[in-house]
Amino acid sequence: GGIWDGQYCRTTVTSERKAIRDIKIA
């Protein structure tokens, strides 16, 4: 469910309280 940016696989999640979690993995 991510997008490859050339270095990391990135995705974000927005919580029920509108908080954003940034996830990235090499």
PDB file of all heavy atoms in Angstrom:
ATOM      1  N   GLY A   1       0.808  -1.216   0.000  1.00  0.00           N
ATOM      2  CA  GLY A   1       0.000   0.000   0.000  1.00  0.00           C
ATOM      3  C   GLY A   1       0.834   1.256   0.000  1.00  0.00           C
ATOM      4  O   GLY A   1       0.346   2.338   0.348  1.00  0.00           O
ATOM      5  N   GLY A   2       2.103   1.131  -0.419  1.00  0.00           N
ATOM      6  CA  GLY A   2       3.011   2.271  -0.402  1.00  0.00           C
ATOM      7  C   GLY A   2       3.424   2.717  -1.789  1.00  0.00           C
ATOM      8  O   GLY A   2       3.020   2.142  -2.807  1.00  0.00           O
ATOM      9  N   ILE A   3       4.246   3.736  -1.823  1.00  0.00           N
ATOM     10  CA  ILE A   3       4.821   4.265  -3.058  1.00  0.00           C
ATOM     11  C   ILE A   3       6.339   4.256  -2.901  1.00  0.00           C
ATOM     12  O   ILE A   3       6.870   4.763  -1.899  1.00  0.00           O
ATOM     13  CB  ILE A   3       4.323   5.695  -3.343  1.00  0.00           C
ATOM     14  CG1 ILE A   3       2.801   5.689  -3.554  1.00  0.00           C
ATOM     15  CG2 ILE A   3       5.028   6.283  -4.563  1.00  0.00           C
ATOM     16  CD1 ILE A   3       2.214   7.077  -3.709  1.00  0.00           C
ATOM     17  N   TRP A   4       7.046   3.693  -3.877  1.00  0.00           N
ATOM     18  CA  TRP A   4       8.509   3.624  -3.833  1.00  0.00           C
ATOM     19  C   TRP A   4       9.093   4.936  -4.322  1.00  0.00           C
ATOM     20  O   TRP A   4       8.780   5.397  -5.421  1.00  0.00           O
ATOM     21  CB  TRP A   4       9.000   2.473  -4.688  1.00  0.00           C
ATOM     22  CG  TRP A   4      10.489   2.312  -4.687  1.00  0.00           C
ATOM     23  CD1 TRP A   4      11.350   2.558  -5.707  1.00  0.00           C
ATOM     24  CD2 TRP A   4      11.291   1.860  -3.592  1.00  0.00           C
ATOM     25  NE1 TRP A   4      12.636   2.289  -5.324  1.00  0.00           N
ATOM     26  CE2 TRP A   4      12.636   1.865  -4.024  1.00  0.00           C
ATOM     27  CE3 TRP A   4      11.006   1.460  -2.285  1.00  0.00           C
ATOM     28  CZ2 TRP A   4      13.686   1.483  -3.206  1.00  0.00           C
ATOM     29  CZ3 TRP A   4      12.051   1.079  -1.475  1.00  0.00           C
ATOM     30  CH2 TRP A   4      13.369   1.087  -1.922  1.00  0.00           C
ATOM     31  N   ASP A   5       9.941   5.572  -3.471  1.00  0.00           N
ATOM     32  CA  ASP A   5      10.511   6.871  -3.860  1.00  0.00           C
ATOM     33  C   ASP A   5      11.966   6.763  -4.306  1.00  0.00           C
ATOM     34  O   ASP A   5      12.642   7.770  -4.476  1.00  0.00           O
ATOM     35  CB  ASP A   5      10.375   7.876  -2.718  1.00  0.00           C
ATOM     36  CG  ASP A   5      11.265   7.557  -1.512  1.00  0.00           C
ATOM     37  OD1 ASP A   5      12.026   6.564  -1.571  1.00  0.00           O
ATOM     38  OD2 ASP A   5      11.215   8.295  -0.512  1.00  0.00           O
ATOM     39  N   GLY A   6      12.431   5.543  -4.490  1.00  0.00           N
ATOM     40  CA  GLY A   6      13.814   5.323  -4.888  1.00  0.00           C
ATOM     41  C   GLY A   6      14.706   4.938  -3.732  1.00  0.00           C
ATOM     42  O   GLY A   6      15.773   4.365  -3.930  1.00  0.00           O
ATOM     43  N   GLN A   7      14.272   5.233  -2.518  1.00  0.00           N
ATOM     44  CA  GLN A   7      15.021   4.859  -1.322  1.00  0.00           C
ATOM     45  C   GLN A   7      14.148   4.156  -0.297  1.00  0.00           C
ATOM     46  O   GLN A   7      14.583   3.217   0.360  1.00  0.00           O
ATOM     47  CB  GLN A   7      15.649   6.104  -0.689  1.00  0.00           C
ATOM     48  CG  GLN A   7      16.512   5.800   0.531  1.00  0.00           C
ATOM     49  CD  GLN A   7      17.177   7.043   1.096  1.00  0.00           C
ATOM     50  OE1 GLN A   7      16.901   8.161   0.652  1.00  0.00           O
ATOM     51  NE2 GLN A   7      18.044   6.862   2.073  1.00  0.00           N
ATOM     52  N   TYR A   8      12.918   4.611  -0.172  1.00  0.00           N
ATOM     53  CA  TYR A   8      11.998   4.047   0.807  1.00  0.00           C
ATOM     54  C   TYR A   8      10.661   3.722   0.164  1.00  0.00           C
ATOM     55  O   TYR A   8      10.226   4.372  -0.791  1.00  0.00           O
ATOM     56  CB  TYR A   8      11.730   5.043   1.946  1.00  0.00           C
ATOM     57  CG  TYR A   8      12.889   5.285   2.874  1.00  0.00           C
ATOM     58  CD1 TYR A   8      13.688   6.418   2.742  1.00  0.00           C
ATOM     59  CD2 TYR A   8      13.180   4.394   3.904  1.00  0.00           C
ATOM     60  CE1 TYR A   8      14.748   6.656   3.606  1.00  0.00           C
ATOM     61  CE2 TYR A   8      14.236   4.624   4.768  1.00  0.00           C
ATOM     62  CZ  TYR A   8      15.014   5.743   4.623  1.00  0.00           C
ATOM     63  OH  TYR A   8      16.069   5.988   5.479  1.00  0.00           O
ATOM     64  N   CYS A   9       9.993   2.755   0.754  1.00  0.00           N
ATOM     65  CA  CYS A   9       8.586   2.519   0.482  1.00  0.00           C
ATOM     66  C   CYS A   9       7.816   3.360   1.496  1.00  0.00           C
ATOM     67  O   CYS A   9       7.962   3.166   2.711  1.00  0.00           O
ATOM     68  CB  CYS A   9       8.245   1.041   0.658  1.00  0.00           C
ATOM     69  SG  CYS A   9       6.509   0.649   0.336  1.00  0.00           S
ATOM     70  N   ARG A  10       7.006   4.292   1.010  1.00  0.00           N
ATOM     71  CA  ARG A  10       6.339   5.266   1.887  1.00  0.00           C
ATOM     72  C   ARG A  10       4.820   5.112   1.829  1.00  0.00           C
ATOM     73  O   ARG A  10       4.247   4.862   0.768  1.00  0.00           O
ATOM     74  CB  ARG A  10       6.699   6.695   1.475  1.00  0.00           C
ATOM     75  CG  ARG A  10       8.132   7.091   1.758  1.00  0.00           C
ATOM     76  CD  ARG A  10       8.391   8.516   1.287  1.00  0.00           C
ATOM     77  NE  ARG A  10       9.697   9.000   1.651  1.00  0.00           N
ATOM     78  CZ  ARG A  10       9.991   9.651   2.774  1.00  0.00           C
ATOM     79  NH1 ARG A  10       9.030   9.902   3.640  1.00  0.00           N
ATOM     80  NH2 ARG A  10      11.214  10.059   3.027  1.00  0.00           N
ATOM     81  N   THR A  11       4.207   5.292   2.981  1.00  0.00           N
ATOM     82  CA  THR A  11       2.763   5.355   3.058  1.00  0.00           C
ATOM     83  C   THR A  11       2.390   6.186   4.278  1.00  0.00           C
ATOM     84  O   THR A  11       3.221   6.385   5.175  1.00  0.00           O
ATOM     85  CB  THR A  11       2.127   3.952   3.147  1.00  0.00           C
ATOM     86  OG1 THR A  11       0.702   4.064   3.082  1.00  0.00           O
ATOM     87  CG2 THR A  11       2.523   3.245   4.429  1.00  0.00           C
ATOM     88  N   THR A  12       1.190   6.697   4.310  1.00  0.00           N
ATOM     89  CA  THR A  12       0.715   7.460   5.455  1.00  0.00           C
ATOM     90  C   THR A  12      -0.648   6.931   5.883  1.00  0.00           C
ATOM     91  O   THR A  12      -1.390   6.340   5.080  1.00  0.00           O
ATOM     92  CB  THR A  12       0.599   8.968   5.152  1.00  0.00           C
ATOM     93  OG1 THR A  12      -0.307   9.145   4.052  1.00  0.00           O
ATOM     94  CG2 THR A  12       1.948   9.565   4.809  1.00  0.00           C
ATOM     95  N   VAL A  13      -0.949   7.147   7.149  1.00  0.00           N
ATOM     96  CA  VAL A  13      -2.234   6.757   7.710  1.00  0.00           C
ATOM     97  C   VAL A  13      -2.797   7.949   8.459  1.00  0.00           C
ATOM     98  O   VAL A  13      -2.081   8.583   9.247  1.00  0.00           O
ATOM     99  CB  VAL A  13      -2.090   5.558   8.678  1.00  0.00           C
ATOM    100  CG1 VAL A  13      -3.445   5.181   9.261  1.00  0.00           C
ATOM    101  CG2 VAL A  13      -1.469   4.372   7.972  1.00  0.00           C
ATOM    102  N   THR A  14      -4.051   8.251   8.222  1.00  0.00           N
ATOM    103  CA  THR A  14      -4.728   9.313   8.975  1.00  0.00           C
ATOM    104  C   THR A  14      -5.678   8.669   9.972  1.00  0.00           C
ATOM    105  O   THR A  14      -6.523   7.845   9.599  1.00  0.00           O
ATOM    106  CB  THR A  14      -5.515  10.243   8.032  1.00  0.00           C
ATOM    107  OG1 THR A  14      -4.614  10.801   7.075  1.00  0.00           O
ATOM    108  CG2 THR A  14      -6.174  11.369   8.811  1.00  0.00           C
ATOM    109  N   SER A  15      -5.523   9.035  11.235  1.00  0.00           N
ATOM    110  CA  SER A  15      -6.310   8.397  12.288  1.00  0.00           C
ATOM    111  C   SER A  15      -7.710   8.986  12.380  1.00  0.00           C
ATOM    112  O   SER A  15      -8.048   9.978  11.720  1.00  0.00           O
ATOM    113  CB  SER A  15      -5.612   8.558  13.641  1.00  0.00           C
ATOM    114  OG  SER A  15      -5.760   9.887  14.125  1.00  0.00           O
ATOM    115  N   GLU A  16      -8.514   8.382  13.237  1.00  0.00           N
ATOM    116  CA  GLU A  16      -9.868   8.887  13.482  1.00  0.00           C
ATOM    117  C   GLU A  16      -9.835  10.301  14.048  1.00  0.00           C
ATOM    118  O   GLU A  16     -10.796  11.059  13.909  1.00  0.00           O
ATOM    119  CB  GLU A  16     -10.588   7.947  14.453  1.00  0.00           C
ATOM    120  CG  GLU A  16     -10.700   6.515  13.934  1.00  0.00           C
ATOM    121  CD  GLU A  16     -11.001   5.516  15.032  1.00  0.00           C
ATOM    122  OE1 GLU A  16     -10.932   5.912  16.231  1.00  0.00           O
ATOM    123  OE2 GLU A  16     -11.310   4.353  14.709  1.00  0.00           O
ATOM    124  N   ARG A  17      -8.714  10.652  14.687  1.00  0.00           N
ATOM    125  CA  ARG A  17      -8.559  11.990  15.277  1.00  0.00           C
ATOM    126  C   ARG A  17      -7.781  12.927  14.354  1.00  0.00           C
ATOM    127  O   ARG A  17      -7.315  13.973  14.772  1.00  0.00           O
ATOM    128  CB  ARG A  17      -7.840  11.872  16.635  1.00  0.00           C
ATOM    129  CG  ARG A  17      -8.545  10.975  17.650  1.00  0.00           C
ATOM    130  CD  ARG A  17      -9.794  11.617  18.214  1.00  0.00           C
ATOM    131  NE  ARG A  17      -9.443  12.780  19.008  1.00  0.00           N
ATOM    132  CZ  ARG A  17      -9.126  12.731  20.306  1.00  0.00           C
ATOM    133  NH1 ARG A  17      -9.117  11.572  20.951  1.00  0.00           N
ATOM    134  NH2 ARG A  17      -8.827  13.834  20.968  1.00  0.00           N
ATOM    135  N   LYS A  18      -7.621  12.507  13.100  1.00  0.00           N
ATOM    136  CA  LYS A  18      -6.936  13.301  12.079  1.00  0.00           C
ATOM    137  C   LYS A  18      -5.433  13.449  12.314  1.00  0.00           C
ATOM    138  O   LYS A  18      -4.803  14.362  11.782  1.00  0.00           O
ATOM    139  CB  LYS A  18      -7.568  14.703  11.934  1.00  0.00           C
ATOM    140  CG  LYS A  18      -9.067  14.679  11.680  1.00  0.00           C
ATOM    141  CD  LYS A  18      -9.399  13.855  10.444  1.00  0.00           C
ATOM    142  CE  LYS A  18     -10.913  13.841  10.187  1.00  0.00           C
ATOM    143  NZ  LYS A  18     -11.270  12.949   9.049  1.00  0.00           N
ATOM    144  N   ALA A  19      -4.862  12.552  13.097  1.00  0.00           N
ATOM    145  CA  ALA A  19      -3.405  12.524  13.269  1.00  0.00           C
ATOM    146  C   ALA A  19      -2.795  11.724  12.116  1.00  0.00           C
ATOM    147  O   ALA A  19      -3.374  10.726  11.666  1.00  0.00           O
ATOM    148  CB  ALA A  19      -3.036  11.901  14.610  1.00  0.00           C
ATOM    149  N   ILE A  20      -1.646  12.147  11.665  1.00  0.00           N
ATOM    150  CA  ILE A  20      -1.000  11.505  10.516  1.00  0.00           C
ATOM    151  C   ILE A  20       0.195  10.687  10.984  1.00  0.00           C
ATOM    152  O   ILE A  20       1.051  11.178  11.727  1.00  0.00           O
ATOM    153  CB  ILE A  20      -0.539  12.551   9.488  1.00  0.00           C
ATOM    154  CG1 ILE A  20      -1.763  13.280   8.917  1.00  0.00           C
ATOM    155  CG2 ILE A  20       0.253  11.882   8.363  1.00  0.00           C
ATOM    156  CD1 ILE A  20      -1.401  14.423   8.001  1.00  0.00           C
ATOM    157  N   ARG A  21       0.232   9.459  10.566  1.00  0.00           N
ATOM    158  CA  ARG A  21       1.407   8.614  10.795  1.00  0.00           C
ATOM    159  C   ARG A  21       2.135   8.422   9.476  1.00  0.00           C
ATOM    160  O   ARG A  21       1.573   7.937   8.493  1.00  0.00           O
ATOM    161  CB  ARG A  21       1.004   7.265  11.368  1.00  0.00           C
ATOM    162  CG  ARG A  21       2.118   6.218  11.249  1.00  0.00           C
ATOM    163  CD  ARG A  21       1.946   5.085  12.207  1.00  0.00           C
ATOM    164  NE  ARG A  21       2.126   5.548  13.582  1.00  0.00           N
ATOM    165  CZ  ARG A  21       2.046   4.750  14.638  1.00  0.00           C
ATOM    166  NH1 ARG A  21       1.772   3.475  14.483  1.00  0.00           N
ATOM    167  NH2 ARG A  21       2.233   5.231  15.843  1.00  0.00           N
ATOM    168  N   ASP A  22       3.415   8.797   9.466  1.00  0.00           N
ATOM    169  CA  ASP A  22       4.268   8.615   8.297  1.00  0.00           C
ATOM    170  C   ASP A  22       5.041   7.320   8.460  1.00  0.00           C
ATOM    171  O   ASP A  22       5.715   7.116   9.475  1.00  0.00           O
ATOM    172  CB  ASP A  22       5.226   9.796   8.148  1.00  0.00           C
ATOM    173  CG  ASP A  22       6.114   9.643   6.932  1.00  0.00           C
ATOM    174  OD1 ASP A  22       5.586   9.569   5.820  1.00  0.00           O
ATOM    175  OD2 ASP A  22       7.351   9.587   7.103  1.00  0.00           O
ATOM    176  N   ILE A  23       4.939   6.443   7.490  1.00  0.00           N
ATOM    177  CA  ILE A  23       5.615   5.144   7.533  1.00  0.00           C
ATOM    178  C   ILE A  23       6.552   5.044   6.340  1.00  0.00           C
ATOM    179  O   ILE A  23       6.144   5.294   5.200  1.00  0.00           O
ATOM    180  CB  ILE A  23       4.598   3.983   7.490  1.00  0.00           C
ATOM    181  CG1 ILE A  23       3.662   4.045   8.705  1.00  0.00           C
ATOM    182  CG2 ILE A  23       5.318   2.639   7.418  1.00  0.00           C
ATOM    183  CD1 ILE A  23       2.496   3.064   8.615  1.00  0.00           C
ATOM    184  N   LYS A  24       7.801   4.693   6.600  1.00  0.00           N
ATOM    185  CA  LYS A  24       8.725   4.467   5.487  1.00  0.00           C
ATOM    186  C   LYS A  24       9.689   3.346   5.858  1.00  0.00           C
ATOM    187  O   LYS A  24      10.189   3.281   6.977  1.00  0.00           O
ATOM    188  CB  LYS A  24       9.484   5.737   5.120  1.00  0.00           C
ATOM    189  CG  LYS A  24      10.416   6.292   6.182  1.00  0.00           C
ATOM    190  CD  LYS A  24      11.140   7.533   5.630  1.00  0.00           C
ATOM    191  CE  LYS A  24      12.199   8.036   6.596  1.00  0.00           C
ATOM    192  NZ  LYS A  24      12.934   9.211   6.048  1.00  0.00           N
ATOM    193  N   ILE A  25       9.913   2.455   4.905  1.00  0.00           N
ATOM    194  CA  ILE A  25      10.824   1.335   5.117  1.00  0.00           C
ATOM    195  C   ILE A  25      11.737   1.178   3.909  1.00  0.00           C
ATOM    196  O   ILE A  25      11.304   1.297   2.767  1.00  0.00           O
ATOM    197  CB  ILE A  25      10.079   0.011   5.385  1.00  0.00           C
ATOM    198  CG1 ILE A  25       9.136  -0.338   4.221  1.00  0.00           C
ATOM    199  CG2 ILE A  25       9.329   0.047   6.704  1.00  0.00           C
ATOM    200  CD1 ILE A  25       8.620  -1.750   4.269  1.00  0.00           C
ATOM    201  N   ALA A  26      13.001   0.953   4.187  1.00  0.00           N
ATOM    202  CA  ALA A  26      13.950   0.592   3.133  1.00  0.00           C
ATOM    203  C   ALA A  26      13.796  -0.904   2.858  1.00  0.00           C
ATOM    204  O   ALA A  26      13.530  -1.691   3.772  1.00  0.00           O
ATOM    205  CB  ALA A  26      15.370   0.917   3.575  1.00  0.00           C
TER     206      ALA A  26
END
